[in-house]
């Protein structure tokens, strides 16, 4: 799953496709509204990856289905899910997405049981 920001600036994602082609198009389908958008990104080969750069029009807190299509054959060369959020999500730093960020404060206290 890829994480992107709800911004109007250019963002990039790296993929490992079935076929290494730089002439591709992307189909994004919003899971909430079931609407699809076709995007023609700037694709560059970087090592074993293909980096796709484009301006994505995404809404906060929504999931999207991603299909990368090779334009010459019209075959799907990559599929994935995208989640749009402004929260930092870096699992190596133990930063996970939470729906209740900055809303729920847990109280720490004495959790001893009294047995009579």
N, C-alpha and C. Protein backbone atom coordinates (compact mmCIF):
# COMPACT_ATOMS: atom_id res chain seq x y z
N UNK A 1 0.84 -1.16 0.00
CA UNK A 1 0.00 0.00 0.00
C UNK A 1 0.90 1.24 0.00
N UNK A 2 0.51 2.20 -0.81
CA UNK A 2 1.23 3.46 -0.91
C UNK A 2 0.49 4.52 -0.11
N UNK A 3 1.25 5.44 0.49
CA UNK A 3 0.67 6.54 1.25
C UNK A 3 1.02 7.83 0.53
N UNK A 4 0.00 8.63 0.21
CA UNK A 4 0.20 9.91 -0.44
C UNK A 4 -0.48 11.00 0.36
N UNK A 5 -0.11 12.24 0.07
CA UNK A 5 -0.66 13.40 0.77
C UNK A 5 -1.78 14.03 -0.03
N UNK A 6 -2.73 14.68 0.64
CA UNK A 6 -3.79 15.40 -0.08
C UNK A 6 -3.32 16.81 -0.45
N UNK A 7 -2.41 16.90 -1.40
CA UNK A 7 -1.82 18.17 -1.79
C UNK A 7 -1.90 18.34 -3.30
N UNK A 8 -1.74 19.57 -3.75
CA UNK A 8 -1.80 19.84 -5.19
C UNK A 8 -0.40 19.95 -5.80
N UNK A 9 0.62 19.53 -5.08
CA UNK A 9 1.98 19.53 -5.63
C UNK A 9 2.32 18.14 -6.17
N UNK A 10 3.41 18.07 -6.90
CA UNK A 10 3.83 16.81 -7.51
C UNK A 10 4.34 15.83 -6.46
N UNK A 11 3.87 14.59 -6.54
CA UNK A 11 4.30 13.52 -5.66
C UNK A 11 4.82 12.37 -6.50
N UNK A 12 5.66 11.54 -5.92
CA UNK A 12 6.24 10.42 -6.64
C UNK A 12 6.05 9.13 -5.85
N UNK A 13 5.80 8.05 -6.59
CA UNK A 13 5.75 6.72 -5.99
C UNK A 13 6.69 5.82 -6.78
N UNK A 14 7.29 4.87 -6.09
CA UNK A 14 8.16 3.90 -6.74
C UNK A 14 7.45 2.56 -6.79
N UNK A 15 7.54 1.90 -7.96
CA UNK A 15 6.88 0.61 -8.13
C UNK A 15 7.85 -0.37 -8.76
N UNK A 16 7.57 -1.64 -8.59
CA UNK A 16 8.29 -2.71 -9.29
C UNK A 16 7.25 -3.38 -10.19
N UNK A 17 7.19 -3.00 -11.46
CA UNK A 17 6.13 -3.51 -12.34
C UNK A 17 6.48 -4.86 -12.95
N UNK A 18 5.52 -5.44 -13.64
CA UNK A 18 5.74 -6.70 -14.37
C UNK A 18 6.62 -6.46 -15.59
N UNK A 19 6.43 -5.31 -16.24
CA UNK A 19 7.20 -4.94 -17.43
C UNK A 19 7.78 -3.55 -17.19
N UNK A 20 9.07 -3.38 -17.43
CA UNK A 20 9.71 -2.08 -17.23
C UNK A 20 9.49 -1.22 -18.46
N UNK A 21 8.49 -0.37 -18.40
CA UNK A 21 8.15 0.53 -19.49
C UNK A 21 7.97 1.92 -18.91
N UNK A 22 8.43 2.93 -19.64
CA UNK A 22 8.27 4.30 -19.16
C UNK A 22 7.13 5.03 -19.87
N UNK A 23 6.46 4.37 -20.80
CA UNK A 23 5.26 4.96 -21.41
C UNK A 23 4.04 4.27 -20.80
N UNK A 24 3.57 4.87 -19.71
CA UNK A 24 2.48 4.27 -18.94
C UNK A 24 1.41 5.30 -18.65
N UNK A 25 0.24 4.81 -18.29
CA UNK A 25 -0.84 5.64 -17.76
C UNK A 25 -1.31 5.01 -16.47
N UNK A 26 -1.97 5.80 -15.64
CA UNK A 26 -2.44 5.32 -14.35
C UNK A 26 -3.94 5.53 -14.24
N UNK A 27 -4.63 4.55 -13.70
CA UNK A 27 -6.05 4.68 -13.39
C UNK A 27 -6.20 4.65 -11.88
N UNK A 28 -6.81 5.69 -11.32
CA UNK A 28 -7.10 5.75 -9.90
C UNK A 28 -8.60 5.68 -9.70
N UNK A 29 -9.04 4.73 -8.88
CA UNK A 29 -10.46 4.59 -8.57
C UNK A 29 -10.67 4.85 -7.10
N UNK A 30 -11.52 5.82 -6.79
CA UNK A 30 -11.85 6.15 -5.42
C UNK A 30 -12.79 5.07 -4.88
N UNK A 31 -12.41 4.45 -3.76
CA UNK A 31 -13.24 3.38 -3.18
C UNK A 31 -14.55 3.91 -2.61
N UNK A 32 -14.59 5.16 -2.18
CA UNK A 32 -15.80 5.72 -1.57
C UNK A 32 -16.86 6.08 -2.60
N UNK A 33 -16.43 6.70 -3.70
CA UNK A 33 -17.39 7.18 -4.69
C UNK A 33 -17.44 6.31 -5.94
N UNK A 34 -16.51 5.37 -6.08
CA UNK A 34 -16.42 4.48 -7.24
C UNK A 34 -16.25 5.26 -8.55
N UNK A 35 -15.52 6.36 -8.49
CA UNK A 35 -15.21 7.14 -9.69
C UNK A 35 -13.74 6.93 -10.05
N UNK A 36 -13.47 6.88 -11.34
CA UNK A 36 -12.11 6.64 -11.82
C UNK A 36 -11.56 7.87 -12.52
N UNK A 37 -10.24 8.05 -12.39
CA UNK A 37 -9.53 9.14 -13.04
C UNK A 37 -8.31 8.54 -13.72
N UNK A 38 -8.05 8.96 -14.96
CA UNK A 38 -6.87 8.50 -15.69
C UNK A 38 -5.81 9.59 -15.65
N UNK A 39 -4.58 9.21 -15.32
CA UNK A 39 -3.46 10.14 -15.18
C UNK A 39 -2.32 9.65 -16.05
N UNK A 40 -1.64 10.57 -16.72
CA UNK A 40 -0.43 10.24 -17.47
C UNK A 40 0.76 10.80 -16.69
N UNK A 41 1.46 9.94 -15.93
CA UNK A 41 2.56 10.43 -15.09
C UNK A 41 3.87 10.53 -15.87
N UNK A 42 4.84 11.17 -15.24
CA UNK A 42 6.21 11.15 -15.74
C UNK A 42 6.87 9.92 -15.15
N UNK A 43 7.29 9.00 -16.00
CA UNK A 43 7.87 7.73 -15.53
C UNK A 43 9.36 7.69 -15.86
N UNK A 44 10.17 7.38 -14.85
CA UNK A 44 11.61 7.22 -15.04
C UNK A 44 12.05 5.93 -14.36
N UNK A 45 13.02 5.26 -14.97
CA UNK A 45 13.56 4.02 -14.40
C UNK A 45 14.70 4.38 -13.46
N UNK A 46 14.58 3.98 -12.21
CA UNK A 46 15.58 4.26 -11.18
C UNK A 46 15.98 2.93 -10.58
N UNK A 47 17.10 2.37 -11.02
CA UNK A 47 17.53 1.07 -10.53
C UNK A 47 16.56 -0.01 -10.94
N UNK A 48 16.03 -0.73 -9.96
CA UNK A 48 15.04 -1.78 -10.23
C UNK A 48 13.61 -1.28 -10.10
N UNK A 49 13.43 0.01 -9.95
CA UNK A 49 12.12 0.61 -9.77
C UNK A 49 11.75 1.47 -10.97
N UNK A 50 10.48 1.78 -11.06
CA UNK A 50 10.01 2.84 -11.94
C UNK A 50 9.37 3.87 -11.04
N UNK A 51 9.82 5.11 -11.17
CA UNK A 51 9.29 6.19 -10.36
C UNK A 51 8.26 6.96 -11.17
N UNK A 52 7.05 7.05 -10.63
CA UNK A 52 5.95 7.73 -11.29
C UNK A 52 5.68 9.04 -10.56
N UNK A 53 5.82 10.16 -11.28
CA UNK A 53 5.61 11.48 -10.70
C UNK A 53 4.42 12.14 -11.36
N UNK A 54 3.54 12.70 -10.55
CA UNK A 54 2.37 13.38 -11.08
C UNK A 54 1.71 14.17 -9.95
N UNK A 55 0.74 14.99 -10.33
CA UNK A 55 -0.11 15.66 -9.35
C UNK A 55 -1.36 14.81 -9.18
N UNK A 56 -1.57 14.31 -7.97
CA UNK A 56 -2.71 13.46 -7.67
C UNK A 56 -3.76 14.30 -6.95
N UNK A 57 -5.00 14.24 -7.37
CA UNK A 57 -6.09 14.95 -6.71
C UNK A 57 -6.77 13.98 -5.76
N UNK A 58 -6.25 13.91 -4.52
CA UNK A 58 -6.71 12.93 -3.55
C UNK A 58 -7.35 13.62 -2.36
N UNK A 59 -8.28 12.93 -1.72
CA UNK A 59 -8.99 13.44 -0.55
C UNK A 59 -8.47 12.74 0.71
N UNK A 60 -8.42 13.47 1.80
CA UNK A 60 -7.93 12.97 3.08
C UNK A 60 -8.77 11.80 3.59
N UNK A 61 -8.09 10.74 4.03
CA UNK A 61 -8.75 9.60 4.66
C UNK A 61 -9.44 8.65 3.70
N UNK A 62 -9.14 8.70 2.42
CA UNK A 62 -9.77 7.81 1.45
C UNK A 62 -8.78 6.81 0.87
N UNK A 63 -9.33 5.68 0.44
CA UNK A 63 -8.56 4.64 -0.22
C UNK A 63 -8.80 4.71 -1.72
N UNK A 64 -7.77 4.39 -2.49
CA UNK A 64 -7.84 4.40 -3.95
C UNK A 64 -7.22 3.12 -4.49
N UNK A 65 -7.80 2.60 -5.57
CA UNK A 65 -7.21 1.48 -6.29
C UNK A 65 -6.34 2.05 -7.41
N UNK A 66 -5.12 1.55 -7.52
CA UNK A 66 -4.17 2.03 -8.52
C UNK A 66 -3.91 0.95 -9.55
N UNK A 67 -4.04 1.29 -10.82
CA UNK A 67 -3.64 0.41 -11.92
C UNK A 67 -2.67 1.18 -12.80
N UNK A 68 -1.52 0.59 -13.07
CA UNK A 68 -0.56 1.18 -14.00
C UNK A 68 -0.65 0.36 -15.28
N UNK A 69 -0.91 1.05 -16.39
CA UNK A 69 -1.16 0.40 -17.67
C UNK A 69 -0.08 0.80 -18.67
N UNK A 70 0.50 -0.19 -19.33
CA UNK A 70 1.47 0.08 -20.39
C UNK A 70 0.69 0.58 -21.61
N UNK A 71 1.06 1.75 -22.13
CA UNK A 71 0.25 2.38 -23.18
C UNK A 71 0.33 1.66 -24.52
N UNK A 72 1.43 1.00 -24.81
CA UNK A 72 1.56 0.34 -26.13
C UNK A 72 0.71 -0.92 -26.22
N UNK A 73 0.60 -1.68 -25.13
CA UNK A 73 -0.15 -2.95 -25.16
C UNK A 73 -1.48 -2.87 -24.44
N UNK A 74 -1.72 -1.81 -23.68
CA UNK A 74 -2.92 -1.64 -22.86
C UNK A 74 -3.08 -2.75 -21.83
N UNK A 75 -1.97 -3.31 -21.36
CA UNK A 75 -1.99 -4.34 -20.32
C UNK A 75 -1.62 -3.73 -18.97
N UNK A 76 -2.23 -4.26 -17.93
CA UNK A 76 -1.94 -3.81 -16.58
C UNK A 76 -0.60 -4.40 -16.14
N UNK A 77 0.33 -3.51 -15.78
CA UNK A 77 1.65 -3.98 -15.37
C UNK A 77 1.88 -3.82 -13.86
N UNK A 78 0.94 -3.18 -13.16
CA UNK A 78 1.09 -3.01 -11.71
C UNK A 78 -0.27 -2.66 -11.11
N UNK A 79 -0.55 -3.20 -9.91
CA UNK A 79 -1.76 -2.88 -9.14
C UNK A 79 -1.36 -2.65 -7.70
N UNK A 80 -2.07 -1.72 -7.07
CA UNK A 80 -1.80 -1.45 -5.66
C UNK A 80 -2.96 -0.65 -5.08
N UNK A 81 -2.89 -0.38 -3.78
CA UNK A 81 -3.83 0.48 -3.08
C UNK A 81 -3.08 1.73 -2.64
N UNK A 82 -3.81 2.86 -2.62
CA UNK A 82 -3.26 4.12 -2.14
C UNK A 82 -4.15 4.59 -1.00
N UNK A 83 -3.51 5.07 0.07
CA UNK A 83 -4.25 5.69 1.16
C UNK A 83 -3.75 7.11 1.30
N UNK A 84 -4.68 8.05 1.35
CA UNK A 84 -4.35 9.47 1.42
C UNK A 84 -4.48 9.95 2.86
N UNK A 85 -3.39 10.47 3.43
CA UNK A 85 -3.39 10.98 4.80
C UNK A 85 -2.29 12.01 4.98
N UNK A 86 -2.48 12.93 5.93
CA UNK A 86 -1.45 13.90 6.27
C UNK A 86 -0.63 13.43 7.46
N UNK A 87 -1.05 12.36 8.10
CA UNK A 87 -0.30 11.82 9.23
C UNK A 87 0.98 11.17 8.73
N UNK A 88 2.04 11.30 9.51
CA UNK A 88 3.28 10.62 9.14
C UNK A 88 3.13 9.15 9.49
N UNK A 89 3.45 8.29 8.53
CA UNK A 89 3.32 6.85 8.72
C UNK A 89 4.63 6.18 8.36
N UNK A 90 5.49 6.06 9.34
CA UNK A 90 6.78 5.42 9.16
C UNK A 90 6.88 4.30 10.18
N UNK A 91 6.69 3.07 9.72
CA UNK A 91 6.63 1.94 10.65
C UNK A 91 7.98 1.65 11.29
N UNK A 92 9.08 2.01 10.64
CA UNK A 92 10.38 1.77 11.26
C UNK A 92 10.61 2.70 12.46
N UNK A 93 9.91 3.84 12.49
CA UNK A 93 9.98 4.74 13.65
C UNK A 93 8.79 4.56 14.58
N UNK A 94 8.00 3.52 14.38
CA UNK A 94 6.82 3.22 15.18
C UNK A 94 5.75 4.29 15.06
N UNK A 95 5.62 4.91 13.88
CA UNK A 95 4.58 5.89 13.62
C UNK A 95 3.52 5.22 12.76
N UNK A 96 2.38 4.91 13.36
CA UNK A 96 1.31 4.23 12.67
C UNK A 96 0.13 5.17 12.51
N UNK A 97 -0.70 4.91 11.52
CA UNK A 97 -1.89 5.71 11.30
C UNK A 97 -2.93 5.38 12.35
N UNK A 98 -3.59 6.40 12.87
CA UNK A 98 -4.67 6.20 13.81
C UNK A 98 -5.81 7.15 13.47
N UNK A 99 -7.02 6.65 13.55
CA UNK A 99 -8.20 7.46 13.26
C UNK A 99 -8.39 8.51 14.35
N UNK A 100 -8.01 8.19 15.59
CA UNK A 100 -8.23 9.06 16.74
C UNK A 100 -7.01 9.90 17.10
N UNK A 101 -6.18 10.25 16.14
CA UNK A 101 -4.97 11.01 16.44
C UNK A 101 -5.33 12.35 17.07
N UNK A 102 -4.72 12.63 18.21
CA UNK A 102 -4.90 13.86 18.98
C UNK A 102 -6.33 14.05 19.49
N UNK A 103 -7.14 13.01 19.54
CA UNK A 103 -8.50 13.13 20.04
C UNK A 103 -8.69 12.35 21.34
N UNK A 104 -8.02 11.23 21.47
CA UNK A 104 -8.22 10.38 22.64
C UNK A 104 -6.96 10.39 23.49
N UNK A 105 -7.11 10.70 24.75
CA UNK A 105 -5.99 10.69 25.69
C UNK A 105 -6.26 9.59 26.71
N UNK A 106 -5.34 8.67 26.81
CA UNK A 106 -5.52 7.60 27.78
C UNK A 106 -4.96 8.03 29.13
N UNK A 107 -5.63 7.65 30.18
CA UNK A 107 -5.19 7.97 31.53
C UNK A 107 -4.38 6.80 32.06
N UNK A 108 -3.25 7.10 32.59
CA UNK A 108 -2.49 6.03 33.23
C UNK A 108 -2.72 6.13 34.73
N UNK A 109 -2.84 5.01 35.32
CA UNK A 109 -3.10 5.01 36.76
C UNK A 109 -2.87 3.64 37.34
N UNK A 110 -3.42 3.42 38.48
CA UNK A 110 -3.26 2.16 39.18
C UNK A 110 -4.32 1.19 38.68
N UNK A 111 -3.88 0.11 38.10
CA UNK A 111 -4.79 -0.91 37.59
C UNK A 111 -4.82 -2.16 38.49
N UNK A 112 -4.55 -1.97 39.77
CA UNK A 112 -4.55 -3.09 40.69
C UNK A 112 -5.98 -3.53 40.99
N UNK A 113 -6.19 -4.81 41.05
CA UNK A 113 -7.49 -5.37 41.40
C UNK A 113 -7.55 -5.60 42.91
N UNK A 114 -8.69 -5.33 43.44
CA UNK A 114 -8.89 -5.58 44.86
C UNK A 114 -9.72 -6.86 44.98
N UNK A 115 -9.15 -7.86 45.62
CA UNK A 115 -9.82 -9.13 45.81
C UNK A 115 -10.25 -9.23 47.28
N UNK A 116 -11.53 -9.44 47.50
CA UNK A 116 -12.04 -9.53 48.87
C UNK A 116 -12.22 -10.96 49.28
